Amino acid sequence: MKYTGKTALVTGASAGIGATFARSYAAKGANLVLVARREDRLRELGGELEKQHGVKTRAIAADLADPLAPQRIFDTLQAEGTAVDILVNNAGYGLPGGYTENDWATHRAFLELMVNSYAQMTRHFLPGMISRKYGRIIQVASLAGLVPGSAGHTLYGPSKAFLVSFAQSLAAEGAGSGVKSSALCPGFTYSEFHDVNSTRGLVSQLPKYMFMEAEPVVKGAIDAVERGRAVYVPGAWNKFVAWLSRTLPRPMSESMVKNQSKKFRAKN
């Protein structure tokens, strides 16, 4: 699949899965709008991709925990005449500790980024995709959104479960319109994610087969949305865990998650 002449907007593009999405779409010919808080990283990545692939890039520094950020991004691109054909909602982080160990302002900022910004960015750019009869939307969810909740990181799983259902609804609404929607549900993926949420020490003790590199995760996600798969789980281990969670009686599935999560859920 080539995306020459298309424009992909990727949030959380400064590192990890987001940067890999940017590189993958650029390699397929797409121009890029790169969004993250760290403008220096965005400009560095954009310059690299322009030289390598001859695409155009636009860096927008924004904190999507700010409720006004999605509107500003949309207004900026509208004023510049930039139509977004591919939207990858990827920005995010994990909030370690029990629910009462963080104040409400911290939780509110988390939900603003992890739920509201995804919904708002989609609402802004979806109408243009529908009118042009072409669009691709990938919500970067998680395997955590497909299994029972666990202690610690209390809002992470629920926020990802929302994205899974959201993507499924969008896929159903978009059937026959030329707009395709998918939720990417990776498990452990090598990136800065675990450094940011202070779980690097914990997850480094997990078996290597539980981890994936970002490149195959992203390649699979891009292929999945093209094939019209509303939910995509990359990797054999992750698929097995998702299958177990669907198949086992709920009490057994909850017990499994409870026992395993102690190995990688940080507690303050």
Protein backbone atom coordinates (compact mmCIF):
# COMPACT_ATOMS: atom_id res chain seq x y z
CA MET A 1 0.00 0.00 0.00
CA LYS A 2 1.29 3.44 -0.97
CA TYR A 3 0.05 6.72 0.51
CA THR A 4 1.61 9.20 -1.90
CA GLY A 5 -0.29 12.48 -1.71
CA LYS A 6 -2.00 11.53 1.56
CA THR A 7 -1.34 13.22 4.90
CA ALA A 8 -1.02 11.27 8.14
CA LEU A 9 -1.34 12.98 11.53
CA VAL A 10 0.37 11.09 14.34
CA THR A 11 0.10 12.12 17.99
CA GLY A 12 2.77 11.12 20.46
CA ALA A 13 5.12 11.10 17.48
CA SER A 14 8.32 12.05 19.29
CA ALA A 15 9.26 8.49 20.34
CA GLY A 16 8.25 4.85 20.52
CA ILE A 17 5.23 3.55 18.63
CA GLY A 18 4.30 7.06 17.46
CA ALA A 19 7.68 7.69 15.85
CA THR A 20 7.51 4.26 14.26
CA PHE A 21 4.10 5.06 12.76
CA ALA A 22 5.59 8.27 11.36
CA ARG A 23 8.52 6.41 9.81
CA SER A 24 6.27 3.71 8.38
CA TYR A 25 3.83 6.09 6.72
CA ALA A 26 6.66 8.28 5.40
CA ALA A 27 8.28 5.19 3.85
CA LYS A 28 4.97 4.59 2.07
CA GLY A 29 4.90 8.14 0.70
CA ALA A 30 2.61 9.96 3.13
CA ASN A 31 3.22 13.52 4.21
CA LEU A 32 3.16 13.93 7.98
CA VAL A 33 1.79 16.12 10.73
CA LEU A 34 3.76 15.22 13.86
CA VAL A 35 2.24 16.12 17.22
CA ALA A 36 3.84 15.82 20.66
CA ARG A 37 5.06 18.03 23.50
CA ARG A 38 8.75 17.89 22.51
CA GLU A 39 9.07 20.12 19.46
CA ASP A 40 12.82 19.56 19.13
CA ARG A 41 12.31 15.83 18.70
CA LEU A 42 9.50 16.36 16.21
CA ARG A 43 11.63 18.65 14.07
CA GLU A 44 14.54 16.23 14.20
CA LEU A 45 12.34 13.33 13.13
CA GLY A 46 10.64 15.41 10.46
CA GLY A 47 13.95 16.49 8.97
CA GLU A 48 15.16 12.90 8.92
CA LEU A 49 12.04 11.66 7.11
CA GLU A 50 12.05 14.50 4.60
CA LYS A 51 15.62 13.61 3.60
CA GLN A 52 14.99 9.87 3.50
CA HIS A 53 11.65 9.78 1.71
CA GLY A 54 11.09 13.19 0.12
CA VAL A 55 7.86 13.76 2.02
CA LYS A 56 6.62 16.97 3.64
CA THR A 57 6.41 17.17 7.42
CA ARG A 58 4.81 19.61 9.83
CA ALA A 59 5.66 19.66 13.55
CA ILE A 60 3.06 20.89 16.03
CA ALA A 61 4.07 21.06 19.69
CA ALA A 62 1.00 20.42 21.84
CA ASP A 63 0.06 18.85 25.15
CA LEU A 64 -3.11 16.87 24.53
CA ALA A 65 -3.87 16.87 28.24
CA ASP A 66 -4.90 20.48 27.57
CA PRO A 67 -8.62 20.40 26.66
CA LEU A 68 -8.09 23.17 24.09
CA ALA A 69 -5.20 21.49 22.25
CA PRO A 70 -7.20 19.37 19.76
CA GLN A 71 -9.18 22.40 18.60
CA ARG A 72 -5.99 24.43 18.17
CA ILE A 73 -4.39 21.67 16.12
CA PHE A 74 -7.46 21.40 13.89
CA ASP A 75 -7.75 25.16 13.43
CA THR A 76 -4.05 25.44 12.56
CA LEU A 77 -4.28 22.80 9.86
CA GLN A 78 -7.54 24.19 8.53
CA ALA A 79 -5.95 27.63 8.18
CA GLU A 80 -3.02 26.07 6.30
CA GLY A 81 -5.31 24.11 4.00
CA THR A 82 -4.02 20.73 5.22
CA ALA A 83 -6.46 17.85 4.90
CA VAL A 84 -5.77 14.89 7.18
CA ASP A 85 -6.38 11.53 5.51
CA ILE A 86 -4.90 9.27 8.20
CA LEU A 87 -5.22 9.88 11.93
CA VAL A 88 -3.16 7.91 14.43
CA ASN A 89 -4.21 8.71 17.99
CA ASN A 90 -1.25 7.44 19.96
CA ALA A 91 -0.23 9.94 22.66
CA GLY A 92 -0.36 8.51 26.15
CA TYR A 93 1.29 7.31 29.31
CA GLY A 94 0.65 5.13 32.35
CA LEU A 95 -0.12 6.51 35.79
CA PRO A 96 1.43 4.19 38.42
CA GLY A 97 0.08 3.63 41.90
CA GLY A 98 -3.30 3.00 43.46
CA TYR A 99 -6.25 5.20 42.63
CA THR A 100 -6.13 7.28 45.82
CA GLU A 101 -2.36 7.83 45.55
CA ASN A 102 -2.92 10.48 42.88
CA ASP A 103 -5.11 13.56 43.28
CA TRP A 104 -8.07 14.30 41.06
CA ALA A 105 -6.22 16.92 39.02
CA THR A 106 -3.73 14.22 38.02
CA HIS A 107 -6.48 11.77 37.10
CA ARG A 108 -8.39 14.43 35.20
CA ALA A 109 -5.34 15.28 33.08
CA PHE A 110 -4.83 11.58 32.41
CA LEU A 111 -8.43 11.12 31.21
CA GLU A 112 -8.24 14.30 29.15
CA LEU A 113 -5.31 12.89 27.23
CA MET A 114 -6.18 9.21 27.13
CA VAL A 115 -9.92 9.49 26.37
CA ASN A 116 -11.10 12.99 25.52
CA SER A 117 -8.28 13.95 23.16
CA TYR A 118 -8.75 10.75 21.15
CA ALA A 119 -12.48 11.37 20.83
CA GLN A 120 -12.04 15.07 20.04
CA MET A 121 -9.28 14.61 17.46
CA THR A 122 -11.44 11.99 15.74
CA ARG A 123 -14.49 14.27 15.78
CA HIS A 124 -12.53 17.12 14.22
CA PHE A 125 -10.98 15.18 11.34
CA LEU A 126 -13.61 12.52 10.59
CA PRO A 127 -16.06 14.79 8.71
CA GLY A 128 -13.40 15.74 6.16
CA MET A 129 -12.57 12.08 5.62
CA ILE A 130 -16.24 11.27 5.06
CA SER A 131 -16.67 14.10 2.57
CA ARG A 132 -13.57 12.96 0.61
CA LYS A 133 -14.69 9.32 0.85
CA TYR A 134 -11.30 8.30 2.20
CA GLY A 135 -9.90 8.00 5.69
CA ARG A 136 -7.97 5.77 8.05
CA ILE A 137 -8.19 6.12 11.85
CA ILE A 138 -6.07 4.08 14.24
CA GLN A 139 -6.69 4.36 17.97
CA VAL A 140 -3.67 3.00 19.83
CA ALA A 141 -5.33 1.06 22.62
CA SER A 142 -3.73 -1.86 24.50
CA LEU A 143 -4.07 -5.49 25.42
CA ALA A 144 -4.98 -4.03 28.82
CA GLY A 145 -8.27 -2.91 27.28
CA LEU A 146 -9.21 -6.51 26.47
CA VAL A 147 -8.53 -8.16 29.84
CA PRO A 148 -9.99 -7.60 33.32
CA GLY A 149 -8.75 -4.63 35.31
CA SER A 150 -6.03 -4.98 37.90
CA ALA A 151 -4.67 -3.16 40.93
CA GLY A 152 -2.46 -0.18 40.12
CA HIS A 153 -2.57 1.94 36.95
CA THR A 154 -6.26 2.05 37.79
CA LEU A 155 -7.53 4.11 34.86
CA TYR A 156 -5.20 2.74 32.18
CA GLY A 157 -7.15 -0.42 31.31
CA PRO A 158 -10.54 1.34 31.35
CA SER A 159 -9.25 4.11 29.08
CA LYS A 160 -8.00 1.53 26.60
CA ALA A 161 -11.24 -0.46 26.78
CA PHE A 162 -13.03 2.74 25.78
CA LEU A 163 -10.80 3.07 22.72
CA VAL A 164 -11.51 -0.50 21.64
CA SER A 165 -15.26 0.02 21.76
CA PHE A 166 -14.90 3.48 20.19
CA ALA A 167 -12.97 2.08 17.23
CA GLN A 168 -15.51 -0.70 16.75
CA SER A 169 -18.37 1.80 16.67
CA LEU A 170 -16.52 4.03 14.21
CA ALA A 171 -15.80 1.03 11.99
CA ALA A 172 -19.48 0.11 11.98
CA GLU A 173 -20.54 3.67 11.20
CA GLY A 174 -17.96 3.99 8.44
CA ALA A 175 -18.87 0.82 6.56
CA GLY A 176 -19.12 1.62 2.87
CA SER A 177 -17.97 5.23 3.30
CA GLY A 178 -14.30 4.77 2.43
CA VAL A 179 -13.34 5.53 6.05
CA LYS A 180 -11.85 2.66 8.05
CA SER A 181 -11.23 2.56 11.79
CA SER A 182 -9.22 0.19 13.94
CA ALA A 183 -8.00 -0.20 17.51
CA LEU A 184 -4.42 -1.39 17.90
CA CYS A 185 -4.05 -3.47 21.08
CA PRO A 186 -0.34 -4.18 21.68
CA GLY A 187 1.09 -5.83 24.74
CA PHE A 188 4.56 -5.01 26.01
CA THR A 189 6.46 -3.09 23.33
CA TYR A 190 10.02 -1.81 23.55
CA SER A 191 9.77 1.99 23.94
CA GLU A 192 10.19 4.83 26.45
CA PHE A 193 6.74 4.07 27.90
CA HIS A 194 8.03 2.07 30.85
CA ASP A 195 10.68 4.66 31.66
CA VAL A 196 8.06 7.41 31.85
CA ASN A 197 5.76 5.48 34.18
CA SER A 198 8.63 4.14 36.35
CA THR A 199 8.08 0.45 35.61
CA ARG A 200 11.28 -0.27 33.67
CA GLY A 201 12.77 -2.22 36.58
CA LEU A 202 9.68 -4.40 36.90
CA VAL A 203 9.08 -5.19 33.24
CA SER A 204 12.76 -5.87 32.56
CA GLN A 205 12.34 -9.02 34.65
CA LEU A 206 9.59 -10.38 32.39
CA PRO A 207 10.32 -13.10 29.79
CA LYS A 208 11.53 -11.79 26.43
CA TYR A 209 8.74 -13.60 24.55
CA MET A 210 6.23 -11.19 26.11
CA PHE A 211 7.83 -8.21 24.32
CA MET A 212 7.64 -7.01 20.73
CA GLU A 213 9.60 -4.46 18.75
CA ALA A 214 7.61 -1.44 17.59
CA GLU A 215 8.13 -2.06 13.86
CA PRO A 216 6.06 -5.26 13.51
CA VAL A 217 3.40 -3.83 15.83
CA VAL A 218 2.97 -0.81 13.57
CA LYS A 219 3.20 -2.76 10.31
CA GLY A 220 0.46 -5.08 11.51
CA ALA A 221 -1.72 -2.14 12.58
CA ILE A 222 -1.43 -0.42 9.20
CA ASP A 223 -2.27 -3.68 7.40
CA ALA A 224 -5.18 -4.33 9.79
CA VAL A 225 -6.92 -1.01 9.22
CA GLU A 226 -6.58 -1.48 5.45
CA ARG A 227 -8.22 -4.89 5.77
CA GLY A 228 -11.05 -3.41 7.80
CA ARG A 229 -10.20 -5.14 11.07
CA ALA A 230 -11.80 -3.11 13.86
CA VAL A 231 -9.57 -4.62 16.56
CA TYR A 232 -6.02 -5.80 15.99
CA VAL A 233 -3.85 -7.64 18.53
CA PRO A 234 -0.23 -8.09 17.38
CA GLY A 235 1.95 -11.05 18.33
CA ALA A 236 1.27 -14.67 19.18
CA TRP A 237 1.62 -14.21 22.95
CA ASN A 238 -0.74 -11.24 23.03
CA LYS A 239 -3.28 -13.05 20.87
CA PHE A 240 -3.12 -15.99 23.27
CA VAL A 241 -3.72 -13.74 26.29
CA ALA A 242 -6.64 -12.01 24.57
CA TRP A 243 -8.11 -15.38 23.62
CA LEU A 244 -7.76 -16.67 27.18
CA SER A 245 -9.51 -13.61 28.53
CA ARG A 246 -12.43 -14.13 26.13
CA THR A 247 -12.64 -17.88 26.68
CA LEU A 248 -12.10 -18.44 30.39
CA PRO A 249 -14.94 -17.93 32.86
CA ARG A 250 -14.75 -14.38 34.16
CA PRO A 251 -13.63 -15.29 37.70
CA MET A 252 -10.74 -17.33 36.30
CA SER A 253 -9.73 -14.55 33.93
CA GLU A 254 -9.81 -12.01 36.77
CA SER A 255 -7.68 -14.28 38.95
CA MET A 256 -5.14 -14.75 36.17
CA VAL A 257 -4.78 -11.00 35.66
CA LYS A 258 -4.57 -10.38 39.40
CA ASN A 259 -1.71 -12.82 39.82
CA GLN A 260 0.24 -11.73 36.76
CA SER A 261 -0.18 -7.97 37.16
CA LYS A 262 1.90 -7.99 40.34
CA LYS A 263 4.91 -8.53 38.09
CA PHE A 264 4.54 -5.32 36.10
CA ARG A 265 2.13 -2.93 37.85
CA ALA A 266 4.05 -0.29 39.80
CA LYS A 267 2.86 0.77 43.25
CA ASN A 268 4.00 3.99 44.85
